Every structure is written in structure tokens, then in C-alpha cells.
Amino acid sequence: VGRIIKEFHPDVMILNRGAHYVSDEQLIQHLNSTVIPHIVNWQDECVLEKIDCHFVWRSTVPGHPHCTQFTKPAESVEEM
């Protein structure tokens, strides 16, 4: 995140949280120690430069077992 901010100076940032499970404690610890400080610094820089910067948190819905065997959305949990 920090490298992207420094290299590209974005005014919109979308963070996608993939469907990979980790415990809430692990996720929060990781966010607080790595991601959040970069986001806060980025927002501070935007304020100093008088730029409206937007942050979007996106969460990916997990797939299901054997999802590649389906050609259209499943209509029931039993099918999956």
C-alpha cells in the first residue's frame, strides 16, 4: 500500500479484502500494523494538498466448492 501511494499519488484508493479467511484478531492486527497507518498518512497528504481523496473498502464474496463446474449461478445450496 505504501509503495503504491508514493509511486502513483492516487486520489481514489480501493482496498479489496479477498475471501481468504483469517481470524478477526489476525485481520485487525494486520490492518492496524500495516495498512491503516499508510491510509492515514495518505489522507493527511490529501488534506495538505487540498485534494479530495476517497477510500473504498471492498470485500469479495467467497466462492464455493467446485465453483468451476457451474456455468450459471446456483439456485440452491444443495446444488453446491
Protein backbone atom coordinates (compact mmCIF):
# COMPACT_ATOMS: atom_id res chain seq x y z
CA VAL A 1 0.00 0.00 0.00
CA GLY A 2 2.73 2.45 0.95
CA ARG A 3 4.68 1.89 -2.27
CA ILE A 4 1.58 2.39 -4.41
CA ILE A 5 0.74 5.64 -2.62
CA LYS A 6 4.27 7.00 -3.04
CA GLU A 7 4.60 5.92 -6.65
CA PHE A 8 1.18 6.88 -8.03
CA HIS A 9 -0.27 9.53 -5.64
CA PRO A 10 -3.84 8.27 -6.11
CA ASP A 11 -6.91 10.33 -5.27
CA VAL A 12 -9.04 7.18 -5.07
CA MET A 13 -7.97 4.02 -3.32
CA ILE A 14 -9.92 0.77 -3.31
CA LEU A 15 -8.78 -1.93 -0.95
CA ASN A 16 -10.20 -5.33 -1.74
CA ARG A 17 -10.41 -7.80 1.08
CA GLY A 18 -10.33 -11.18 -0.59
CA ALA A 19 -12.26 -14.18 0.55
CA HIS A 20 -9.30 -15.68 2.39
CA TYR A 21 -10.20 -16.47 5.97
CA VAL A 22 -8.10 -15.32 8.89
CA SER A 23 -9.35 -14.76 12.41
CA ASP A 24 -10.70 -11.32 13.29
CA GLU A 25 -7.77 -10.81 15.66
CA GLN A 26 -5.25 -11.53 12.88
CA LEU A 27 -7.05 -9.29 10.42
CA ILE A 28 -7.29 -6.36 12.83
CA GLN A 29 -3.68 -6.74 13.92
CA HIS A 30 -2.51 -6.77 10.30
CA LEU A 31 -4.64 -3.77 9.36
CA ASN A 32 -3.54 -1.74 12.39
CA SER A 33 0.15 -2.53 11.96
CA THR A 34 0.47 -2.16 8.19
CA VAL A 35 -2.48 -0.85 6.19
CA ILE A 36 -4.15 1.75 8.41
CA PRO A 37 -1.01 3.87 9.02
CA HIS A 38 -0.49 4.17 5.25
CA ILE A 39 -4.13 5.15 4.71
CA VAL A 40 -4.00 7.76 7.47
CA ASN A 41 -0.78 9.28 6.05
CA TRP A 42 -2.30 9.30 2.56
CA GLN A 43 -5.41 11.10 3.82
CA ASP A 44 -3.23 13.63 5.69
CA GLU A 45 -1.30 14.34 2.48
CA CYS A 46 -4.56 14.79 0.58
CA VAL A 47 -5.73 17.35 3.13
CA LEU A 48 -2.42 19.26 2.92
CA GLU A 49 -2.64 19.31 -0.88
CA LYS A 50 -6.33 20.26 -0.74
CA ILE A 51 -7.31 17.19 -2.76
CA ASP A 52 -10.50 15.22 -2.18
CA CYS A 53 -9.28 11.65 -1.79
CA HIS A 54 -11.66 8.76 -1.48
CA PHE A 55 -11.10 5.44 0.23
CA VAL A 56 -13.28 2.41 -0.53
CA TRP A 57 -13.19 -0.85 1.38
CA ARG A 58 -14.41 -3.74 -0.72
CA SER A 59 -14.98 -7.27 0.43
CA THR A 60 -15.04 -10.16 -2.02
CA VAL A 61 -17.75 -12.73 -1.55
CA PRO A 62 -16.25 -16.19 -1.09
CA GLY A 63 -16.76 -18.81 -3.73
CA HIS A 64 -17.97 -22.31 -3.06
CA PRO A 65 -16.53 -25.78 -3.58
CA HIS A 66 -16.39 -26.86 -7.23
CA CYS A 67 -17.45 -23.42 -8.47
CA THR A 68 -15.71 -24.02 -11.80
CA GLN A 69 -18.18 -26.85 -12.54
CA PHE A 70 -21.09 -24.39 -12.76
CA THR A 71 -21.98 -22.45 -15.89
CA LYS A 72 -24.59 -20.21 -14.27
CA PRO A 73 -25.43 -19.07 -10.73
CA ALA A 74 -26.61 -21.90 -8.49
CA GLU A 75 -30.22 -21.74 -7.40
CA SER A 76 -29.82 -23.71 -4.19
CA VAL A 77 -27.26 -24.54 -1.55
CA GLU A 78 -27.90 -28.23 -2.12
CA GLU A 79 -26.63 -27.89 -5.72
CA MET A 80 -23.35 -26.52 -4.46
